[in-house]
PDB file of N, CA and C in Angstrom:
ATOM      1  N   MET A   1     -66.453 -86.304 155.960  1.00  0.00           N
ATOM      2  CA  MET A   1     -66.130 -87.528 156.583  1.00  0.00           C
ATOM      3  C   MET A   1     -64.920 -88.029 156.033  1.00  0.00           C
ATOM      4  N   VAL A   2     -64.019 -88.518 156.882  1.00  0.00           N
ATOM      5  CA  VAL A   2     -62.749 -89.037 156.470  1.00  0.00           C
ATOM      6  C   VAL A   2     -62.978 -90.611 156.427  1.00  0.00           C
ATOM      7  N   SER A   3     -62.577 -91.213 155.274  1.00  0.00           N
ATOM      8  CA  SER A   3     -62.669 -92.641 155.140  1.00  0.00           C
ATOM      9  C   SER A   3     -61.356 -93.186 155.572  1.00  0.00           C
ATOM     10  N   VAL A   4     -61.465 -94.290 156.429  1.00  0.00           N
ATOM     11  CA  VAL A   4     -60.263 -94.879 157.046  1.00  0.00           C
ATOM     12  C   VAL A   4     -59.831 -95.949 156.079  1.00  0.00           C
ATOM     13  N   ILE A   5     -58.664 -95.976 155.622  1.00  0.00           N
ATOM     14  CA  ILE A   5     -58.078 -96.954 154.628  1.00  0.00           C
ATOM     15  C   ILE A   5     -57.332 -97.936 155.469  1.00  0.00           C
ATOM     16  N   PRO A   6     -57.598 -99.312 155.399  1.00  0.00           N
ATOM     17  CA  PRO A   6     -56.861-100.285 156.166  1.00  0.00           C
ATOM     18  C   PRO A   6     -55.376-100.218 155.809  1.00  0.00           C
ATOM     19  N   LEU A   7     -54.493-100.525 156.688  1.00  0.00           N
ATOM     20  CA  LEU A   7     -53.071-100.402 156.510  1.00  0.00           C
ATOM     21  C   LEU A   7     -52.566-101.325 155.351  1.00  0.00           C
ATOM     22  N   LYS A   8     -53.139-102.438 155.163  1.00  0.00           N
ATOM     23  CA  LYS A   8     -52.704-103.298 153.975  1.00  0.00           C
ATOM     24  C   LYS A   8     -53.020-102.818 152.646  1.00  0.00           C
ATOM     25  N   GLU A   9     -53.958-101.891 152.543  1.00  0.00           N
ATOM     26  CA  GLU A   9     -54.359-101.370 151.289  1.00  0.00           C
ATOM     27  C   GLU A   9     -53.745-100.025 150.962  1.00  0.00           C
ATOM     28  N   LYS A  10     -53.002 -99.467 151.908  1.00  0.00           N
ATOM     29  CA  LYS A  10     -52.333 -98.182 151.751  1.00  0.00           C
ATOM     30  C   LYS A  10     -51.158 -98.270 150.884  1.00  0.00           C
ATOM     31  N   ARG A  11     -50.879 -97.315 150.021  1.00  0.00           N
ATOM     32  CA  ARG A  11     -49.745 -97.212 149.126  1.00  0.00           C
ATOM     33  C   ARG A  11     -48.534 -96.855 150.052  1.00  0.00           C
ATOM     34  N   LEU A  12     -47.287 -97.113 149.538  1.00  0.00           N
ATOM     35  CA  LEU A  12     -46.145 -96.821 150.370  1.00  0.00           C
ATOM     36  C   LEU A  12     -46.011 -95.353 150.658  1.00  0.00           C
ATOM     37  N   MET A  13     -46.318 -94.450 149.693  1.00  0.00           N
ATOM     38  CA  MET A  13     -46.213 -92.999 149.969  1.00  0.00           C
ATOM     39  C   MET A  13     -47.251 -92.543 151.043  1.00  0.00           C
ATOM     40  N   ASP A  14     -48.242 -93.366 151.361  1.00  0.00           N
ATOM     41  CA  ASP A  14     -49.292 -92.925 152.335  1.00  0.00           C
ATOM     42  C   ASP A  14     -49.006 -93.476 153.762  1.00  0.00           C
ATOM     43  N   VAL A  15     -47.946 -94.363 153.872  1.00  0.00           N
ATOM     44  CA  VAL A  15     -47.750 -94.995 155.101  1.00  0.00           C
ATOM     45  C   VAL A  15     -46.902 -94.106 156.003  1.00  0.00           C
ATOM     46  N   LYS A  16     -47.141 -93.925 157.270  1.00  0.00           N
ATOM     47  CA  LYS A  16     -46.367 -93.101 158.151  1.00  0.00           C
ATOM     48  C   LYS A  16     -45.132 -93.987 158.604  1.00  0.00           C
ATOM     49  N   ILE A  17     -44.064 -93.301 159.059  1.00  0.00           N
ATOM     50  CA  ILE A  17     -42.790 -93.985 159.483  1.00  0.00           C
ATOM     51  C   ILE A  17     -43.104 -95.009 160.482  1.00  0.00           C
ATOM     52  N   GLY A  18     -43.936 -94.708 161.501  1.00  0.00           N
ATOM     53  CA  GLY A  18     -44.196 -95.654 162.554  1.00  0.00           C
ATOM     54  C   GLY A  18     -44.992 -96.871 162.159  1.00  0.00           C
ATOM     55  N   GLU A  19     -45.743 -96.770 161.062  1.00  0.00           N
ATOM     56  CA  GLU A  19     -46.527 -97.880 160.514  1.00  0.00           C
ATOM     57  C   GLU A  19     -45.723 -98.709 159.498  1.00  0.00           C
ATOM     58  N   LEU A  20     -44.568 -98.328 159.104  1.00  0.00           N
ATOM     59  CA  LEU A  20     -43.758 -98.917 158.075  1.00  0.00           C
ATOM     60  C   LEU A  20     -43.441-100.401 158.268  1.00  0.00           C
ATOM     61  N   PRO A  21     -42.868-100.741 159.515  1.00  0.00           N
ATOM     62  CA  PRO A  21     -42.559-102.160 159.739  1.00  0.00           C
ATOM     63  C   PRO A  21     -43.761-103.097 159.722  1.00  0.00           C
ATOM     64  N   SER A  22     -44.892-102.721 160.209  1.00  0.00           N
ATOM     65  CA  SER A  22     -46.068-103.462 160.112  1.00  0.00           C
ATOM     66  C   SER A  22     -46.640-103.587 158.818  1.00  0.00           C
ATOM     67  N   TRP A  23     -46.534-102.463 157.916  1.00  0.00           N
ATOM     68  CA  TRP A  23     -46.909-102.442 156.502  1.00  0.00           C
ATOM     69  C   TRP A  23     -46.103-103.417 155.666  1.00  0.00           C
ATOM     70  N   ILE A  24     -44.717-103.432 155.942  1.00  0.00           N
ATOM     71  CA  ILE A  24     -43.805-104.322 155.236  1.00  0.00           C
ATOM     72  C   ILE A  24     -44.209-105.776 155.512  1.00  0.00           C
ATOM     73  N   LEU A  25     -44.496-106.175 156.793  1.00  0.00           N
ATOM     74  CA  LEU A  25     -44.800-107.523 157.108  1.00  0.00           C
ATOM     75  C   LEU A  25     -46.110-107.844 156.609  1.00  0.00           C
ATOM     76  N   MET A  26     -47.013-107.015 156.277  1.00  0.00           N
ATOM     77  CA  MET A  26     -48.300-107.451 155.578  1.00  0.00           C
ATOM     78  C   MET A  26     -48.101-107.708 154.104  1.00  0.00           C
ATOM     79  N   ARG A  27     -47.039-107.391 153.477  1.00  0.00           N
ATOM     80  CA  ARG A  27     -46.867-107.593 152.036  1.00  0.00           C
ATOM     81  C   ARG A  27     -46.755-109.076 151.801  1.00  0.00           C
ATOM     82  N   ASP A  28     -47.076-109.517 150.557  1.00  0.00           N
ATOM     83  CA  ASP A  28     -47.008-110.863 150.162  1.00  0.00           C
ATOM     84  C   ASP A  28     -45.673-111.175 149.556  1.00  0.00           C
ATOM     85  N   PHE A  29     -44.875-111.968 150.239  1.00  0.00           N
ATOM     86  CA  PHE A  29     -43.441-112.252 149.825  1.00  0.00           C
ATOM     87  C   PHE A  29     -43.333-113.682 149.145  1.00  0.00           C
ATOM     88  N   THR A  30     -44.561-114.249 148.840  1.00  0.00           N
ATOM     89  CA  THR A  30     -44.452-115.618 148.214  1.00  0.00           C
ATOM     90  C   THR A  30     -44.063-115.295 146.731  1.00  0.00           C
ATOM     91  N   PRO A  31     -43.637-116.368 146.126  1.00  0.00           N
ATOM     92  CA  PRO A  31     -43.247-116.182 144.638  1.00  0.00           C
ATOM     93  C   PRO A  31     -44.420-115.569 143.861  1.00  0.00           C
ATOM     94  N   LYS A  32     -45.652-116.051 144.085  1.00  0.00           N
ATOM     95  CA  LYS A  32     -46.808-115.578 143.416  1.00  0.00           C
ATOM     96  C   LYS A  32     -47.012-114.069 143.627  1.00  0.00           C
ATOM     97  N   GLY A  33     -46.779-113.665 144.914  1.00  0.00           N
ATOM     98  CA  GLY A  33     -46.897-112.222 145.272  1.00  0.00           C
ATOM     99  C   GLY A  33     -45.885-111.318 144.650  1.00  0.00           C
ATOM    100  N   ILE A  34     -44.628-111.883 144.598  1.00  0.00           N
ATOM    101  CA  ILE A  34     -43.561-111.047 143.963  1.00  0.00           C
ATOM    102  C   ILE A  34     -43.725-111.043 142.478  1.00  0.00           C
ATOM    103  N   ALA A  35     -44.171-112.112 141.853  1.00  0.00           N
ATOM    104  CA  ALA A  35     -44.468-111.993 140.463  1.00  0.00           C
ATOM    105  C   ALA A  35     -45.602-111.111 140.144  1.00  0.00           C
ATOM    106  N   GLY A  36     -46.616-111.051 141.063  1.00  0.00           N
ATOM    107  CA  GLY A  36     -47.709-110.073 140.804  1.00  0.00           C
ATOM    108  C   GLY A  36     -47.193-108.657 140.987  1.00  0.00           C
ATOM    109  N   ALA A  37     -46.363-108.394 141.895  1.00  0.00           N
ATOM    110  CA  ALA A  37     -45.783-107.031 142.026  1.00  0.00           C
ATOM    111  C   ALA A  37     -45.003-106.566 140.700  1.00  0.00           C
ATOM    112  N   PHE A  38     -44.175-107.533 140.156  1.00  0.00           N
ATOM    113  CA  PHE A  38     -43.600-107.252 139.012  1.00  0.00           C
ATOM    114  C   PHE A  38     -44.488-106.973 137.758  1.00  0.00           C
ATOM    115  N   GLN A  39     -45.571-107.778 137.778  1.00  0.00           N
ATOM    116  CA  GLN A  39     -46.509-107.704 136.701  1.00  0.00           C
ATOM    117  C   GLN A  39     -47.327-106.296 136.772  1.00  0.00           C
ATOM    118  N   ARG A  40     -47.592-105.950 138.033  1.00  0.00           N
ATOM    119  CA  ARG A  40     -48.301-104.558 138.255  1.00  0.00           C
ATOM    120  C   ARG A  40     -47.306-103.449 137.785  1.00  0.00           C
ATOM    121  N   GLY A  41     -46.102-103.545 138.166  1.00  0.00           N
ATOM    122  CA  GLY A  41     -45.130-102.594 137.724  1.00  0.00           C
ATOM    123  C   GLY A  41     -44.999-102.472 136.210  1.00  0.00           C
ATOM    124  N   TYR A  42     -44.857-103.699 135.643  1.00  0.00           N
ATOM    125  CA  TYR A  42     -44.713-103.705 134.187  1.00  0.00           C
ATOM    126  C   TYR A  42     -45.994-102.992 133.480  1.00  0.00           C
ATOM    127  N   TYR A  43     -47.176-103.447 133.921  1.00  0.00           N
ATOM    128  CA  TYR A  43     -48.369-102.847 133.312  1.00  0.00           C
ATOM    129  C   TYR A  43     -48.518-101.348 133.607  1.00  0.00           C
ATOM    130  N   ARG A  44     -48.153-100.929 134.729  1.00  0.00           N
ATOM    131  CA  ARG A  44     -48.095 -99.551 135.027  1.00  0.00           C
ATOM    132  C   ARG A  44     -47.157 -98.721 134.180  1.00  0.00           C
ATOM    133  N   TYR A  45     -46.071 -99.272 133.968  1.00  0.00           N
ATOM    134  CA  TYR A  45     -45.005 -98.575 133.081  1.00  0.00           C
ATOM    135  C   TYR A  45     -45.596 -98.638 131.625  1.00  0.00           C
ATOM    136  N   TYR A  46     -46.148 -99.782 131.206  1.00  0.00           N
ATOM    137  CA  TYR A  46     -46.598-100.038 129.798  1.00  0.00           C
ATOM    138  C   TYR A  46     -47.715 -98.963 129.524  1.00  0.00           C
ATOM    139  N   ASN A  47     -48.733 -98.913 130.406  1.00  0.00           N
ATOM    140  CA  ASN A  47     -49.818 -98.119 130.144  1.00  0.00           C
ATOM    141  C   ASN A  47     -49.496 -96.515 130.293  1.00  0.00           C
ATOM    142  N   LYS A  48     -48.460 -96.269 131.047  1.00  0.00           N
ATOM    143  CA  LYS A  48     -48.156 -94.873 131.221  1.00  0.00           C
ATOM    144  C   LYS A  48     -47.255 -94.287 130.080  1.00  0.00           C
ATOM    145  N   TYR A  49     -46.305 -95.194 129.646  1.00  0.00           N
ATOM    146  CA  TYR A  49     -45.293 -94.701 128.664  1.00  0.00           C
ATOM    147  C   TYR A  49     -45.456 -95.248 127.256  1.00  0.00           C
ATOM    148  N   ILE A  50     -45.818 -96.481 127.168  1.00  0.00           N
ATOM    149  CA  ILE A  50     -45.848 -97.150 125.864  1.00  0.00           C
ATOM    150  C   ILE A  50     -47.195 -97.048 125.146  1.00  0.00           C
ATOM    151  N   ASN A  51     -48.229 -97.382 125.875  1.00  0.00           N
ATOM    152  CA  ASN A  51     -49.594 -97.551 125.338  1.00  0.00           C
ATOM    153  C   ASN A  51     -50.332 -96.101 125.356  1.00  0.00           C
ATOM    154  N   VAL A  52     -49.756 -95.199 124.691  1.00  0.00           N
ATOM    155  CA  VAL A  52     -50.320 -93.862 124.684  1.00  0.00           C
ATOM    156  C   VAL A  52     -50.755 -93.582 123.214  1.00  0.00           C
ATOM    157  N   LYS A  53     -51.701 -92.576 123.073  1.00  0.00           N
ATOM    158  CA  LYS A  53     -52.066 -92.266 121.731  1.00  0.00           C
ATOM    159  C   LYS A  53     -51.091 -91.324 121.036  1.00  0.00           C
ATOM    160  N   THR A  54     -50.450 -90.423 121.742  1.00  0.00           N
ATOM    161  CA  THR A  54     -49.491 -89.538 121.183  1.00  0.00           C
ATOM    162  C   THR A  54     -48.123 -89.588 122.011  1.00  0.00           C
ATOM    163  N   GLY A  55     -47.127 -89.320 121.312  1.00  0.00           N
ATOM    164  CA  GLY A  55     -45.769 -89.329 122.007  1.00  0.00           C
ATOM    165  C   GLY A  55     -45.200 -90.650 121.925  1.00  0.00           C
ATOM    166  N   ASN A  56     -43.866 -90.758 122.242  1.00  0.00           N
ATOM    167  CA  ASN A  56     -43.192 -91.917 122.268  1.00  0.00           C
ATOM    168  C   ASN A  56     -42.123 -91.922 123.432  1.00  0.00           C
ATOM    169  N   ALA A  57     -42.570 -91.372 124.655  1.00  0.00           N
ATOM    170  CA  ALA A  57     -41.654 -91.327 125.631  1.00  0.00           C
ATOM    171  C   ALA A  57     -41.066 -92.630 126.154  1.00  0.00           C
ATOM    172  N   GLY A  58     -41.833 -93.641 126.157  1.00  0.00           N
ATOM    173  CA  GLY A  58     -41.414 -94.980 126.580  1.00  0.00           C
ATOM    174  C   GLY A  58     -40.309 -95.605 125.591  1.00  0.00           C
ATOM    175  N   VAL A  59     -40.503 -95.369 124.308  1.00  0.00           N
ATOM    176  CA  VAL A  59     -39.488 -95.822 123.379  1.00  0.00           C
ATOM    177  C   VAL A  59     -38.139 -94.996 123.529  1.00  0.00           C
ATOM    178  N   SER A  60     -38.292 -93.745 123.789  1.00  0.00           N
ATOM    179  CA  SER A  60     -37.042 -92.927 124.041  1.00  0.00           C
ATOM    180  C   SER A  60     -36.327 -93.319 125.330  1.00  0.00           C
ATOM    181  N   MET A  61     -37.174 -93.682 126.339  1.00  0.00           N
ATOM    182  CA  MET A  61     -36.518 -94.118 127.662  1.00  0.00           C
ATOM    183  C   MET A  61     -35.821 -95.407 127.503  1.00  0.00           C
ATOM    184  N   MET A  62     -36.453 -96.386 126.670  1.00  0.00           N
ATOM    185  CA  MET A  62     -35.803 -97.637 126.456  1.00  0.00           C
ATOM    186  C   MET A  62     -34.485 -97.471 125.589  1.00  0.00           C
ATOM    187  N   LEU A  63     -34.561 -96.540 124.674  1.00  0.00           N
ATOM    188  CA  LEU A  63     -33.382 -96.260 123.822  1.00  0.00           C
ATOM    189  C   LEU A  63     -32.250 -95.656 124.747  1.00  0.00           C
ATOM    190  N   ALA A  64     -32.568 -94.727 125.507  1.00  0.00           N
ATOM    191  CA  ALA A  64     -31.586 -94.117 126.448  1.00  0.00           C
ATOM    192  C   ALA A  64     -30.957 -95.118 127.394  1.00  0.00           C
ATOM    193  N   ALA A  65     -31.791 -96.055 127.835  1.00  0.00           N
ATOM    194  CA  ALA A  65     -31.287 -97.033 128.812  1.00  0.00           C
ATOM    195  C   ALA A  65     -30.342 -97.967 128.040  1.00  0.00           C
ATOM    196  N   TYR A  66     -30.670 -98.324 126.811  1.00  0.00           N
ATOM    197  CA  TYR A  66     -29.853 -99.134 125.918  1.00  0.00           C
ATOM    198  C   TYR A  66     -28.397 -98.524 125.696  1.00  0.00           C
ATOM    199  N   VAL A  67     -28.480 -97.199 125.352  1.00  0.00           N
ATOM    200  CA  VAL A  67     -27.207 -96.521 125.115  1.00  0.00           C
ATOM    201  C   VAL A  67     -26.379 -96.448 126.357  1.00  0.00           C
ATOM    202  N   LEU A  68     -26.997 -96.150 127.533  1.00  0.00           N
ATOM    203  CA  LEU A  68     -26.326 -96.062 128.768  1.00  0.00           C
ATOM    204  C   LEU A  68     -25.641 -97.441 129.132  1.00  0.00           C
ATOM    205  N   PHE A  69     -26.480 -98.500 128.885  1.00  0.00           N
ATOM    206  CA  PHE A  69     -25.927 -99.877 129.219  1.00  0.00           C
ATOM    207  C   PHE A  69     -24.784-100.129 128.411  1.00  0.00           C
ATOM    208  N   ASN A  70     -24.827 -99.881 127.096  1.00  0.00           N
ATOM    209  CA  ASN A  70     -23.676-100.134 126.153  1.00  0.00           C
ATOM    210  C   ASN A  70     -22.495 -99.224 126.519  1.00  0.00           C
ATOM    211  N   TYR A  71     -22.720 -98.063 126.955  1.00  0.00           N
ATOM    212  CA  TYR A  71     -21.585 -97.179 127.351  1.00  0.00           C
ATOM    213  C   TYR A  71     -20.925 -97.729 128.542  1.00  0.00           C
ATOM    214  N   CYS A  72     -21.714 -98.115 129.575  1.00  0.00           N
ATOM    215  CA  CYS A  72     -21.074 -98.715 130.739  1.00  0.00           C
ATOM    216  C   CYS A  72     -20.301-100.007 130.491  1.00  0.00           C
ATOM    217  N   ARG A  73     -20.932-100.731 129.534  1.00  0.00           N
ATOM    218  CA  ARG A  73     -20.257-101.994 129.141  1.00  0.00           C
ATOM    219  C   ARG A  73     -18.920-101.884 128.540  1.00  0.00           C
ATOM    220  N   SER A  74     -18.814-100.708 127.702  1.00  0.00           N
ATOM    221  CA  SER A  74     -17.516-100.582 126.940  1.00  0.00           C
ATOM    222  C   SER A  74     -16.693 -99.452 127.613  1.00  0.00           C
ATOM    223  N   TYR A  75     -16.972 -98.992 128.779  1.00  0.00           N
ATOM    224  CA  TYR A  75     -16.194 -97.983 129.398  1.00  0.00           C
ATOM    225  C   TYR A  75     -14.737 -98.340 129.604  1.00  0.00           C
ATOM    226  N   LYS A  76     -14.514 -99.547 129.911  1.00  0.00           N
ATOM    227  CA  LYS A  76     -13.210-100.032 130.161  1.00  0.00           C
ATOM    228  C   LYS A  76     -12.280 -99.799 128.921  1.00  0.00           C
ATOM    229  N   GLU A  77     -12.766 -99.997 127.723  1.00  0.00           N
ATOM    230  CA  GLU A  77     -11.980 -99.650 126.577  1.00  0.00           C
ATOM    231  C   GLU A  77     -11.938 -98.206 126.200  1.00  0.00           C
ATOM    232  N   LEU A  78     -13.022 -97.536 126.524  1.00  0.00           N
ATOM    233  CA  LEU A  78     -13.045 -96.102 126.195  1.00  0.00           C
ATOM    234  C   LEU A  78     -12.220 -95.293 127.127  1.00  0.00           C
ATOM    235  N   LYS A  79     -12.046 -95.849 128.343  1.00  0.00           N
ATOM    236  CA  LYS A  79     -11.190 -95.049 129.341  1.00  0.00           C
ATOM    237  C   LYS A  79      -9.728 -94.886 128.932  1.00  0.00           C
ATOM    238  N   HIS A  80      -9.243 -95.833 128.185  1.00  0.00           N
ATOM    239  CA  HIS A  80      -7.885 -95.662 127.678  1.00  0.00           C
ATOM    240  C   HIS A  80      -7.643 -94.804 126.589  1.00  0.00           C
ATOM    241  N   GLU A  81      -8.661 -94.511 125.900  1.00  0.00           N
ATOM    242  CA  GLU A  81      -8.620 -93.592 124.654  1.00  0.00           C
ATOM    243  C   GLU A  81      -8.859 -92.141 124.904  1.00  0.00           C
ATOM    244  N   ARG A  82      -9.284 -91.816 126.068  1.00  0.00           N
ATOM    245  CA  ARG A  82      -9.717 -90.404 126.263  1.00  0.00           C
ATOM    246  C   ARG A  82      -8.638 -89.396 126.308  1.00  0.00           C
ATOM    247  N   ARG A  83      -7.431 -89.759 126.743  1.00  0.00           N
ATOM    248  CA  ARG A  83      -6.371 -88.884 126.804  1.00  0.00           C
ATOM    249  C   ARG A  83      -5.240 -89.272 125.827  1.00  0.00           C
ATOM    250  N   HIS A  84      -5.544 -90.052 124.915  1.00  0.00           N
ATOM    251  CA  HIS A  84      -4.584 -90.510 123.892  1.00  0.00           C
ATOM    252  C   HIS A  84      -4.517 -89.417 122.864  1.00  0.00           C
ATOM    253  N   LYS A  85      -3.161 -89.162 122.466  1.00  0.00           N
ATOM    254  CA  LYS A  85      -2.912 -88.157 121.409  1.00  0.00           C
ATOM    255  C   LYS A  85      -2.741 -88.818 120.055  1.00  0.00           C
ATOM    256  N   TYR A  86      -3.432 -88.338 119.065  1.00  0.00           N
ATOM    257  CA  TYR A  86      -3.401 -88.866 117.730  1.00  0.00           C
ATOM    258  C   TYR A  86      -2.424 -88.072 116.799  1.00  0.00           C
ATOM    259  N   HIS A  87      -1.229 -87.810 117.145  1.00  0.00           N
ATOM    260  CA  HIS A  87      -0.353 -87.052 116.330  1.00  0.00           C
ATOM    261  C   HIS A  87       1.051 -87.632 116.392  1.00  0.00           C
TER     262      HIS A  87
END
């Protein structure tokens, strides 16, 4: 038997292209709904990468993001030094 899931409860990856506009209109775009979406995303990330018994992939990802952010921030200064001769 195939169980029919209501369109409102389907995940984005399970929605067909023709159902996408109606699925988007069923989302909660109030401030409370948007805050809930961010909270669910944070808890999903935290439980998947940070709150694990072994490994530290979440900490490594945050460190990599920090390094990339600082590189992008200082790229303007680094750009002038890359072809500079020191002799």
